[in-house]
Amino acid sequence: MRFSIFILAMVVSFNLDAQTTAAPASIVLEKAVTEATVKNKKVLLMFHASWCGWCHKMDNALNDISCKKYFDDNFVITHITVLESKGKQNLENPGGLEMMEKFNGKEQGLPYWVILDKDGYLLFDSQVRKPQADGSIKGQNVGCPASQPEVDHFISILKKTTSLNAAELATIAKRFRLNEQ
């Protein structure tokens, strides 16, 4: 009887551990790209963490009833969890931080998002790039667009990556401006 209970405990423990292990970032991205290819959409890949308030604001805006359809019609939206707080590292997608860095996100903060074409090639990221006095170009992550310049930047990217019309883009801009409150 004790042996049966021990075996049962081991099986339950193994299953719980399997449920808390996140999929590798490469698998998450591969799945999104495959879906985007089939549906002829682009991928909106967001790097986020459970503790990140701005990440939650971004998700809330993307899923708001006023504009959810516009995003769903144009993008496969997926998430890669990175930079989790101590004790929650099991939520991170293995390889996620390296993927974020590959997409120009090193030290850019969260949320950090990229738009990929249906073949997985980077089209845009969430950085606004400005020429510096030394001739270099420095990028700054807009994260979850909220201020007018951030929202304007986001809308300019949506204009280049979707066929959304002016009214639809205005609806998205209005919703994202609510993030500043």
N, C-alpha and C. Protein backbone atom coordinates (compact mmCIF):
# COMPACT_ATOMS: atom_id res chain seq x y z
N MET A 1 0.82 -1.20 0.00
CA MET A 1 0.00 0.00 0.00
C MET A 1 0.87 1.26 0.00
N ARG A 2 1.89 1.27 0.86
CA ARG A 2 2.78 2.42 0.91
C ARG A 2 3.48 2.63 -0.43
N PHE A 3 3.88 1.55 -1.06
CA PHE A 3 4.54 1.64 -2.35
C PHE A 3 3.61 2.25 -3.39
N SER A 4 2.34 1.87 -3.38
CA SER A 4 1.35 2.42 -4.32
C SER A 4 1.17 3.92 -4.11
N ILE A 5 1.12 4.32 -2.85
CA ILE A 5 0.98 5.74 -2.53
C ILE A 5 2.22 6.50 -3.00
N PHE A 6 3.40 5.91 -2.79
CA PHE A 6 4.64 6.53 -3.23
C PHE A 6 4.65 6.72 -4.75
N ILE A 7 4.25 5.68 -5.48
CA ILE A 7 4.21 5.75 -6.94
C ILE A 7 3.22 6.82 -7.38
N LEU A 8 2.05 6.86 -6.76
CA LEU A 8 1.03 7.86 -7.08
C LEU A 8 1.58 9.27 -6.83
N ALA A 9 2.26 9.46 -5.72
CA ALA A 9 2.84 10.76 -5.39
C ALA A 9 3.89 11.16 -6.42
N MET A 10 4.68 10.23 -6.86
CA MET A 10 5.70 10.50 -7.87
C MET A 10 5.06 10.92 -9.20
N VAL A 11 4.01 10.22 -9.60
CA VAL A 11 3.32 10.54 -10.86
C VAL A 11 2.71 11.94 -10.78
N VAL A 12 2.05 12.24 -9.67
CA VAL A 12 1.43 13.56 -9.49
C VAL A 12 2.51 14.63 -9.50
N SER A 13 3.60 14.40 -8.80
CA SER A 13 4.70 15.36 -8.75
C SER A 13 5.27 15.59 -10.14
N PHE A 14 5.48 14.53 -10.91
CA PHE A 14 6.01 14.65 -12.26
C PHE A 14 5.06 15.45 -13.13
N ASN A 15 3.76 15.18 -13.03
CA ASN A 15 2.78 15.89 -13.85
C ASN A 15 2.70 17.36 -13.48
N LEU A 16 2.79 17.69 -12.21
CA LEU A 16 2.77 19.09 -11.79
C LEU A 16 3.99 19.81 -12.31
N ASP A 17 5.15 19.15 -12.25
CA ASP A 17 6.37 19.76 -12.76
C ASP A 17 6.27 19.99 -14.26
N ALA A 18 5.71 19.05 -14.98
CA ALA A 18 5.56 19.18 -16.43
C ALA A 18 4.64 20.34 -16.78
N GLN A 19 3.65 20.60 -15.94
CA GLN A 19 2.69 21.67 -16.22
C GLN A 19 3.30 23.04 -15.98
N THR A 20 4.35 23.12 -15.16
CA THR A 20 4.92 24.43 -14.85
C THR A 20 6.16 24.72 -15.69
N THR A 21 6.53 23.81 -16.55
CA THR A 21 7.67 24.05 -17.43
C THR A 21 7.18 24.66 -18.73
N ALA A 22 7.65 25.84 -19.01
CA ALA A 22 7.22 26.56 -20.21
C ALA A 22 7.89 25.96 -21.45
N ALA A 23 7.20 26.06 -22.56
CA ALA A 23 7.75 25.58 -23.83
C ALA A 23 8.95 26.43 -24.23
N PRO A 24 9.91 25.84 -24.91
CA PRO A 24 11.03 26.64 -25.41
C PRO A 24 10.54 27.76 -26.34
N ALA A 25 11.20 28.89 -26.26
CA ALA A 25 10.81 30.05 -27.08
C ALA A 25 10.79 29.69 -28.56
N SER A 26 11.73 28.89 -29.00
CA SER A 26 11.80 28.52 -30.42
C SER A 26 10.54 27.77 -30.86
N ILE A 27 10.00 26.93 -29.98
CA ILE A 27 8.78 26.18 -30.29
C ILE A 27 7.58 27.12 -30.34
N VAL A 28 7.50 28.05 -29.39
CA VAL A 28 6.41 29.02 -29.35
C VAL A 28 6.41 29.85 -30.64
N LEU A 29 7.59 30.31 -31.04
CA LEU A 29 7.70 31.12 -32.25
C LEU A 29 7.38 30.28 -33.49
N GLU A 30 7.89 29.08 -33.54
CA GLU A 30 7.64 28.21 -34.69
C GLU A 30 6.14 27.97 -34.88
N LYS A 31 5.45 27.74 -33.79
CA LYS A 31 4.00 27.53 -33.84
C LYS A 31 3.29 28.78 -34.37
N ALA A 32 3.68 29.94 -33.88
CA ALA A 32 3.06 31.20 -34.32
C ALA A 32 3.33 31.47 -35.80
N VAL A 33 4.56 31.23 -36.24
CA VAL A 33 4.91 31.45 -37.65
C VAL A 33 4.14 30.49 -38.55
N THR A 34 4.01 29.25 -38.12
CA THR A 34 3.24 28.27 -38.90
C THR A 34 1.79 28.71 -39.04
N GLU A 35 1.20 29.15 -37.93
CA GLU A 35 -0.18 29.63 -37.97
C GLU A 35 -0.30 30.87 -38.86
N ALA A 36 0.65 31.79 -38.75
CA ALA A 36 0.63 33.00 -39.57
C ALA A 36 0.74 32.66 -41.06
N THR A 37 1.55 31.68 -41.38
CA THR A 37 1.70 31.26 -42.78
C THR A 37 0.38 30.70 -43.31
N VAL A 38 -0.24 29.85 -42.53
CA VAL A 38 -1.51 29.23 -42.94
C VAL A 38 -2.61 30.28 -43.10
N LYS A 39 -2.64 31.24 -42.18
CA LYS A 39 -3.70 32.25 -42.17
C LYS A 39 -3.33 33.53 -42.91
N ASN A 40 -2.15 33.57 -43.50
CA ASN A 40 -1.66 34.75 -44.22
C ASN A 40 -1.71 36.02 -43.34
N LYS A 41 -1.12 35.89 -42.17
CA LYS A 41 -1.06 36.99 -41.21
C LYS A 41 0.39 37.24 -40.85
N LYS A 42 0.60 38.25 -40.05
CA LYS A 42 1.91 38.52 -39.48
C LYS A 42 1.89 38.06 -38.02
N VAL A 43 3.05 38.02 -37.41
CA VAL A 43 3.17 37.62 -36.01
C VAL A 43 3.48 38.86 -35.18
N LEU A 44 2.71 39.05 -34.13
CA LEU A 44 3.02 40.07 -33.12
C LEU A 44 3.52 39.28 -31.91
N LEU A 45 4.82 39.32 -31.70
CA LEU A 45 5.48 38.56 -30.64
C LEU A 45 5.82 39.52 -29.52
N MET A 46 5.29 39.23 -28.34
CA MET A 46 5.52 40.11 -27.20
C MET A 46 6.32 39.39 -26.13
N PHE A 47 7.42 40.01 -25.73
CA PHE A 47 8.22 39.53 -24.62
C PHE A 47 7.67 40.19 -23.37
N HIS A 48 7.36 39.39 -22.36
CA HIS A 48 6.70 39.93 -21.17
C HIS A 48 7.07 39.11 -19.94
N ALA A 49 6.57 39.56 -18.79
CA ALA A 49 6.73 38.86 -17.52
C ALA A 49 5.47 39.05 -16.70
N SER A 50 5.21 38.12 -15.79
CA SER A 50 3.99 38.16 -14.99
C SER A 50 3.91 39.39 -14.09
N TRP A 51 5.04 39.91 -13.66
CA TRP A 51 5.07 41.05 -12.75
C TRP A 51 4.92 42.39 -13.47
N CYS A 52 4.98 42.40 -14.79
CA CYS A 52 5.07 43.63 -15.58
C CYS A 52 3.69 44.27 -15.80
N GLY A 53 3.44 45.36 -15.10
CA GLY A 53 2.17 46.07 -15.25
C GLY A 53 1.92 46.58 -16.65
N TRP A 54 2.97 47.09 -17.31
CA TRP A 54 2.82 47.59 -18.68
C TRP A 54 2.53 46.45 -19.66
N CYS A 55 3.04 45.26 -19.35
CA CYS A 55 2.73 44.09 -20.19
C CYS A 55 1.25 43.78 -20.11
N HIS A 56 0.69 43.86 -18.91
CA HIS A 56 -0.74 43.62 -18.73
C HIS A 56 -1.56 44.69 -19.44
N LYS A 57 -1.10 45.94 -19.38
CA LYS A 57 -1.81 47.01 -20.10
C LYS A 57 -1.79 46.76 -21.60
N MET A 58 -0.66 46.29 -22.12
CA MET A 58 -0.56 45.99 -23.55
C MET A 58 -1.55 44.89 -23.92
N ASP A 59 -1.58 43.82 -23.14
CA ASP A 59 -2.52 42.73 -23.41
C ASP A 59 -3.97 43.22 -23.33
N ASN A 60 -4.26 44.02 -22.32
CA ASN A 60 -5.62 44.54 -22.18
C ASN A 60 -6.03 45.38 -23.38
N ALA A 61 -5.11 46.18 -23.88
CA ALA A 61 -5.42 47.02 -25.05
C ALA A 61 -5.61 46.16 -26.29
N LEU A 62 -4.72 45.18 -26.50
CA LEU A 62 -4.83 44.31 -27.67
C LEU A 62 -6.14 43.51 -27.65
N ASN A 63 -6.61 43.19 -26.45
CA ASN A 63 -7.82 42.37 -26.32
C ASN A 63 -9.08 43.17 -26.03
N ASP A 64 -8.96 44.49 -26.00
CA ASP A 64 -10.13 45.34 -25.76
C ASP A 64 -11.13 45.15 -26.91
N ILE A 65 -12.38 45.08 -26.56
CA ILE A 65 -13.44 44.82 -27.56
C ILE A 65 -13.43 45.85 -28.69
N SER A 66 -12.95 47.06 -28.39
CA SER A 66 -12.95 48.11 -29.41
C SER A 66 -11.98 47.84 -30.56
N CYS A 67 -10.93 47.05 -30.30
CA CYS A 67 -9.93 46.85 -31.36
C CYS A 67 -9.41 45.42 -31.48
N LYS A 68 -9.89 44.51 -30.68
CA LYS A 68 -9.41 43.12 -30.72
C LYS A 68 -9.52 42.53 -32.12
N LYS A 69 -10.64 42.74 -32.79
CA LYS A 69 -10.85 42.18 -34.12
C LYS A 69 -9.78 42.67 -35.10
N TYR A 70 -9.39 43.91 -34.99
CA TYR A 70 -8.39 44.46 -35.91
C TYR A 70 -7.05 43.73 -35.76
N PHE A 71 -6.70 43.43 -34.52
CA PHE A 71 -5.45 42.70 -34.28
C PHE A 71 -5.60 41.24 -34.68
N ASP A 72 -6.72 40.63 -34.32
CA ASP A 72 -6.93 39.21 -34.65
C ASP A 72 -6.99 38.98 -36.16
N ASP A 73 -7.51 39.95 -36.90
CA ASP A 73 -7.59 39.81 -38.36
C ASP A 73 -6.23 39.93 -39.05
N ASN A 74 -5.28 40.55 -38.38
CA ASN A 74 -3.99 40.85 -39.01
C ASN A 74 -2.79 40.11 -38.41
N PHE A 75 -2.94 39.65 -37.18
CA PHE A 75 -1.78 39.09 -36.48
C PHE A 75 -2.11 37.79 -35.77
N VAL A 76 -1.10 36.95 -35.67
CA VAL A 76 -1.08 35.87 -34.69
C VAL A 76 -0.29 36.47 -33.53
N ILE A 77 -0.95 36.63 -32.41
CA ILE A 77 -0.32 37.25 -31.25
C ILE A 77 0.16 36.15 -30.32
N THR A 78 1.42 36.22 -29.96
CA THR A 78 1.99 35.22 -29.06
C THR A 78 2.94 35.88 -28.09
N HIS A 79 3.22 35.20 -27.01
CA HIS A 79 4.04 35.75 -25.93
C HIS A 79 5.22 34.83 -25.60
N ILE A 80 6.31 35.46 -25.25
CA ILE A 80 7.48 34.77 -24.71
C ILE A 80 7.74 35.39 -23.33
N THR A 81 7.78 34.56 -22.32
CA THR A 81 8.00 35.04 -20.96
C THR A 81 9.50 35.07 -20.66
N VAL A 82 9.96 36.23 -20.20
CA VAL A 82 11.37 36.45 -19.87
C VAL A 82 11.46 37.27 -18.58
N LEU A 83 12.64 37.30 -18.01
CA LEU A 83 12.96 38.20 -16.89
C LEU A 83 11.98 38.08 -15.71
N GLU A 84 11.56 36.88 -15.42
CA GLU A 84 10.64 36.67 -14.29
C GLU A 84 11.34 36.94 -12.96
N SER A 85 10.55 37.23 -11.97
CA SER A 85 11.10 37.49 -10.64
C SER A 85 11.55 36.17 -10.00
N LYS A 86 12.37 36.31 -8.99
CA LYS A 86 12.91 35.14 -8.29
C LYS A 86 11.75 34.27 -7.78
N GLY A 87 11.88 33.00 -8.03
CA GLY A 87 10.86 32.05 -7.62
C GLY A 87 9.84 31.77 -8.71
N LYS A 88 9.84 32.56 -9.76
CA LYS A 88 8.91 32.34 -10.87
C LYS A 88 9.63 32.09 -12.18
N GLN A 89 10.92 31.77 -12.10
CA GLN A 89 11.70 31.54 -13.30
C GLN A 89 11.15 30.36 -14.11
N ASN A 90 10.41 29.46 -13.47
CA ASN A 90 9.82 28.32 -14.19
C ASN A 90 8.80 28.78 -15.23
N LEU A 91 8.33 30.02 -15.13
CA LEU A 91 7.38 30.55 -16.11
C LEU A 91 8.08 31.01 -17.39
N GLU A 92 9.40 31.21 -17.31
CA GLU A 92 10.15 31.70 -18.47
C GLU A 92 10.23 30.64 -19.57
N ASN A 93 10.12 31.10 -20.80
CA ASN A 93 10.32 30.21 -21.95
C ASN A 93 11.83 30.05 -22.14
N PRO A 94 12.37 28.83 -22.04
CA PRO A 94 13.80 28.65 -22.26
C PRO A 94 14.20 29.21 -23.62
N GLY A 95 15.29 29.97 -23.63
CA GLY A 95 15.77 30.60 -24.86
C GLY A 95 15.09 31.92 -25.17
N GLY A 96 14.17 32.34 -24.33
CA GLY A 96 13.41 33.56 -24.58
C GLY A 96 14.26 34.82 -24.54
N LEU A 97 15.13 34.91 -23.56
CA LEU A 97 15.96 36.11 -23.44
C LEU A 97 16.92 36.21 -24.63
N GLU A 98 17.46 35.09 -25.06
CA GLU A 98 18.35 35.09 -26.22
C GLU A 98 17.57 35.49 -27.48
N MET A 99 16.32 35.05 -27.58
CA MET A 99 15.50 35.43 -28.72
C MET A 99 15.20 36.93 -28.69
N MET A 100 14.90 37.44 -27.51
CA MET A 100 14.63 38.87 -27.37
C MET A 100 15.86 39.68 -27.81
N GLU A 101 17.04 39.23 -27.41
CA GLU A 101 18.27 39.91 -27.80
C GLU A 101 18.49 39.82 -29.31
N LYS A 102 18.17 38.66 -29.89
CA LYS A 102 18.30 38.48 -31.35
C LYS A 102 17.44 39.49 -32.10
N PHE A 103 16.29 39.83 -31.51
CA PHE A 103 15.38 40.80 -32.13
C PHE A 103 15.61 42.21 -31.60
N ASN A 104 16.85 42.53 -31.26
CA ASN A 104 17.27 43.89 -30.86
C ASN A 104 16.75 44.34 -29.50
N GLY A 105 16.34 43.40 -28.65
CA GLY A 105 15.72 43.78 -27.38
C GLY A 105 16.61 43.78 -26.17
N LYS A 106 17.92 43.64 -26.37
CA LYS A 106 18.82 43.61 -25.22
C LYS A 106 18.71 44.91 -24.44
N GLU A 107 18.44 44.79 -23.16
CA GLU A 107 18.34 45.92 -22.23
C GLU A 107 17.28 46.94 -22.64
N GLN A 108 16.22 46.48 -23.29
CA GLN A 108 15.16 47.40 -23.72
C GLN A 108 13.97 47.44 -22.77
N GLY A 109 13.92 46.56 -21.79
CA GLY A 109 12.80 46.55 -20.86
C GLY A 109 11.59 45.82 -21.43
N LEU A 110 10.55 45.77 -20.62
CA LEU A 110 9.32 45.06 -20.99
C LEU A 110 8.11 45.98 -20.92
N PRO A 111 7.10 45.72 -21.70
CA PRO A 111 7.08 44.72 -22.77
C PRO A 111 7.95 45.16 -23.93
N TYR A 112 8.45 44.19 -24.61
CA TYR A 112 9.20 44.42 -25.84
C TYR A 112 8.51 43.58 -26.90
N TRP A 113 8.14 44.19 -28.01
CA TRP A 113 7.41 43.44 -29.03
C TRP A 113 8.06 43.62 -30.39
N VAL A 114 7.80 42.63 -31.22
CA VAL A 114 8.28 42.66 -32.59
C VAL A 114 7.15 42.21 -33.51
N ILE A 115 7.21 42.69 -34.74
CA ILE A 115 6.29 42.22 -35.77
C ILE A 115 7.13 41.48 -36.80
N LEU A 116 6.72 40.24 -37.05
CA LEU A 116 7.42 39.37 -37.98
C LEU A 116 6.50 39.07 -39.15
N ASP A 117 7.08 38.87 -40.32
CA ASP A 117 6.25 38.47 -41.45
C ASP A 117 5.89 36.99 -41.30
N LYS A 118 5.10 36.49 -42.22
CA LYS A 118 4.60 35.11 -42.09
C LYS A 118 5.71 34.07 -42.23
N ASP A 119 6.90 34.50 -42.62
CA ASP A 119 8.04 33.59 -42.69
C ASP A 119 8.96 33.73 -41.47
N GLY A 120 8.58 34.58 -40.53
CA GLY A 120 9.35 34.75 -39.31
C GLY A 120 10.45 35.79 -39.38
N TYR A 121 10.46 36.60 -40.44
CA TYR A 121 11.48 37.64 -40.57
C TYR A 121 11.03 38.94 -39.90
N LEU A 122 11.95 39.56 -39.20
CA LEU A 122 11.66 40.79 -38.47
C LEU A 122 11.31 41.92 -39.42
N LEU A 123 10.14 42.52 -39.19
CA LEU A 123 9.72 43.70 -39.95
C LEU A 123 9.95 44.96 -39.12
N PHE A 124 9.48 44.93 -37.87
CA PHE A 124 9.59 46.08 -36.98
C PHE A 124 9.72 45.59 -35.55
N ASP A 125 10.31 46.44 -34.72
CA ASP A 125 10.33 46.18 -33.29
C ASP A 125 9.76 47.41 -32.58
N SER A 126 9.70 47.35 -31.27
CA SER A 126 9.05 48.42 -30.52
C SER A 126 9.97 49.58 -30.17
N GLN A 127 11.04 49.72 -30.91
CA GLN A 127 11.97 50.82 -30.64
C GLN A 127 11.76 52.01 -31.58
N VAL A 128 11.89 53.18 -31.01
CA VAL A 128 11.99 54.40 -31.80
C VAL A 128 13.49 54.70 -31.85
N ARG A 129 14.00 54.83 -33.04
CA ARG A 129 15.44 55.05 -33.20
C ARG A 129 15.71 56.51 -33.58
N LYS A 130 16.71 57.07 -32.88
CA LYS A 130 17.07 58.47 -33.13
C LYS A 130 18.57 58.58 -33.34
N PRO A 131 18.96 59.38 -34.35
CA PRO A 131 20.40 59.62 -34.57
C PRO A 131 20.99 60.37 -33.38
N GLN A 132 22.20 59.98 -33.01
CA GLN A 132 22.92 60.61 -31.90
C GLN A 132 23.97 61.57 -32.47
N ALA A 133 24.49 62.42 -31.63
CA ALA A 133 25.49 63.40 -32.06
C ALA A 133 26.74 62.74 -32.64
N ASP A 134 27.06 61.55 -32.15
CA ASP A 134 28.26 60.85 -32.63
C ASP A 134 28.02 60.08 -33.93
N GLY A 135 26.83 60.20 -34.49
CA GLY A 135 26.51 59.51 -35.74
C GLY A 135 25.87 58.15 -35.55
N SER A 136 25.87 57.64 -34.32
CA SER A 136 25.24 56.35 -34.06
C SER A 136 23.72 56.55 -33.97
N ILE A 137 23.03 55.46 -33.96
CA ILE A 137 21.57 55.50 -33.82
C ILE A 137 21.20 54.72 -32.57
N LYS A 138 20.45 55.37 -31.70
CA LYS A 138 20.06 54.74 -30.44
C LYS A 138 18.56 54.48 -30.47
N GLY A 139 18.18 53.28 -30.05
CA GLY A 139 16.78 52.93 -29.98
C GLY A 139 16.24 53.00 -28.57
N GLN A 140 14.99 53.38 -28.46
CA GLN A 140 14.32 53.42 -27.16
C GLN A 140 12.99 52.68 -27.29
N ASN A 141 12.79 51.71 -26.43
CA ASN A 141 11.59 50.89 -26.45
C ASN A 141 10.36 51.70 -26.04
N VAL A 142 9.32 51.66 -26.85
CA VAL A 142 8.07 52.31 -26.46
C VAL A 142 7.26 51.40 -25.55
N GLY A 143 7.62 50.10 -25.50
CA GLY A 143 6.89 49.17 -24.64
C GLY A 143 5.42 49.14 -25.00
N CYS A 144 4.59 49.38 -24.03
CA CYS A 144 3.15 49.50 -24.28
C CYS A 144 2.88 50.95 -24.64
N PRO A 145 2.51 51.21 -25.88
CA PRO A 145 2.27 52.60 -26.29
C PRO A 145 1.20 53.27 -25.42
N ALA A 146 1.51 54.47 -24.95
CA ALA A 146 0.56 55.20 -24.11
C ALA A 146 0.58 56.70 -24.43
N SER A 147 1.76 57.30 -24.43
CA SER A 147 1.85 58.73 -24.73
C SER A 147 1.55 58.95 -26.20
N GLN A 148 1.25 60.18 -26.56
CA GLN A 148 0.93 60.47 -27.96
C GLN A 148 2.06 60.08 -28.92
N PRO A 149 3.31 60.42 -28.62
CA PRO A 149 4.39 60.01 -29.54
C PRO A 149 4.54 58.48 -29.65
N GLU A 150 4.36 57.77 -28.53
CA GLU A 150 4.44 56.31 -28.55
C GLU A 150 3.32 55.71 -29.39
N VAL A 151 2.11 56.20 -29.20
CA VAL A 151 0.96 55.70 -29.96
C VAL A 151 1.14 56.04 -31.43
N ASP A 152 1.61 57.23 -31.73
CA ASP A 152 1.85 57.61 -33.12
C ASP A 152 2.84 56.65 -33.78
N HIS A 153 3.89 56.30 -33.06
CA HIS A 153 4.89 55.36 -33.57
C HIS A 153 4.24 53.99 -33.84
N PHE A 154 3.46 53.51 -32.89
CA PHE A 154 2.77 52.23 -33.02
C PHE A 154 1.84 52.24 -34.23
N ILE A 155 1.09 53.30 -34.37
CA ILE A 155 0.15 53.42 -35.50
C ILE A 155 0.92 53.46 -36.82
N SER A 156 2.05 54.14 -36.85
CA SER A 156 2.84 54.18 -38.10
C SER A 156 3.30 52.78 -38.49
N ILE A 157 3.63 51.96 -37.51
CA ILE A 157 4.03 50.57 -37.80
C ILE A 157 2.83 49.77 -38.28
N LEU A 158 1.68 49.97 -37.66
CA LEU A 158 0.47 49.25 -38.10
C LEU A 158 0.09 49.65 -39.52
N LYS A 159 0.30 50.92 -39.87
CA LYS A 159 0.03 51.36 -41.25
C LYS A 159 0.89 50.59 -42.25
N LYS A 160 2.12 50.30 -41.87
CA LYS A 160 3.06 49.63 -42.76
C LYS A 160 2.88 48.11 -42.79
N THR A 161 2.22 47.56 -41.79
CA THR A 161 2.14 46.09 -41.69
C THR A 161 0.73 45.53 -41.82
N THR A 162 -0.25 46.39 -41.96
CA THR A 162 -1.64 45.92 -42.08
C THR A 162 -2.36 46.72 -43.17
N SER A 163 -3.59 46.32 -43.42
CA SER A 163 -4.43 47.09 -44.35
C SER A 163 -5.54 47.80 -43.59
N LEU A 164 -5.29 48.08 -42.31
CA LEU A 164 -6.29 48.79 -41.51
C LEU A 164 -6.53 50.18 -42.08
N ASN A 165 -7.80 50.59 -42.07
CA ASN A 165 -8.13 51.91 -42.59
C ASN A 165 -7.97 52.98 -41.51
N ALA A 166 -8.15 54.22 -41.90
CA ALA A 166 -7.93 55.35 -40.99
C ALA A 166 -8.84 55.29 -39.76
N ALA A 167 -10.09 54.91 -39.94
CA ALA A 167 -11.02 54.82 -38.81
C ALA A 167 -10.60 53.72 -37.84
N GLU A 168 -10.16 52.59 -38.36
CA GLU A 168 -9.73 51.49 -37.49
C GLU A 168 -8.45 51.87 -36.74
N LEU A 169 -7.53 52.51 -37.42
CA LEU A 169 -6.31 52.95 -36.77
C LEU A 169 -6.60 54.01 -35.70
N ALA A 170 -7.57 54.87 -35.96
CA ALA A 170 -7.96 55.88 -34.97
C ALA A 170 -8.56 55.22 -33.73
N THR A 171 -9.32 54.17 -33.92
CA THR A 171 -9.90 53.44 -32.79
C THR A 171 -8.79 52.82 -31.95
N ILE A 172 -7.81 52.22 -32.62
CA ILE A 172 -6.68 51.63 -31.90
C ILE A 172 -5.91 52.71 -31.15
N ALA A 173 -5.65 53.83 -31.81
CA ALA A 173 -4.91 54.92 -31.18
C ALA A 173 -5.66 55.42 -29.94
N LYS A 174 -6.97 55.59 -30.06
CA LYS A 174 -7.77 56.06 -28.93
C LYS A 174 -7.67 55.09 -27.76
N ARG A 175 -7.74 53.79 -28.05
CA ARG A 175 -7.67 52.80 -26.98
C ARG A 175 -6.30 52.78 -26.31
N PHE A 176 -5.24 52.85 -27.11
CA PHE A 176 -3.91 52.82 -26.54
C PHE A 176 -3.58 54.08 -25.74
N ARG A 177 -4.19 55.21 -26.11
CA ARG A 177 -3.96 56.44 -25.33
C ARG A 177 -4.51 56.30 -23.91
N LEU A 178 -5.49 55.40 -23.73
CA LEU A 178 -6.03 55.17 -22.39
C LEU A 178 -4.98 54.54 -21.46
N ASN A 179 -3.94 53.96 -22.02
CA ASN A 179 -2.90 53.34 -21.20
C ASN A 179 -2.12 54.35 -20.39
N GLU A 180 -2.18 55.62 -20.77
CA GLU A 180 -1.42 56.64 -20.04
C GLU A 180 -2.08 56.98 -18.71
N GLN A 181 -3.32 56.66 -18.56
CA GLN A 181 -4.04 57.01 -17.32
C GLN A 181 -3.63 56.15 -16.16
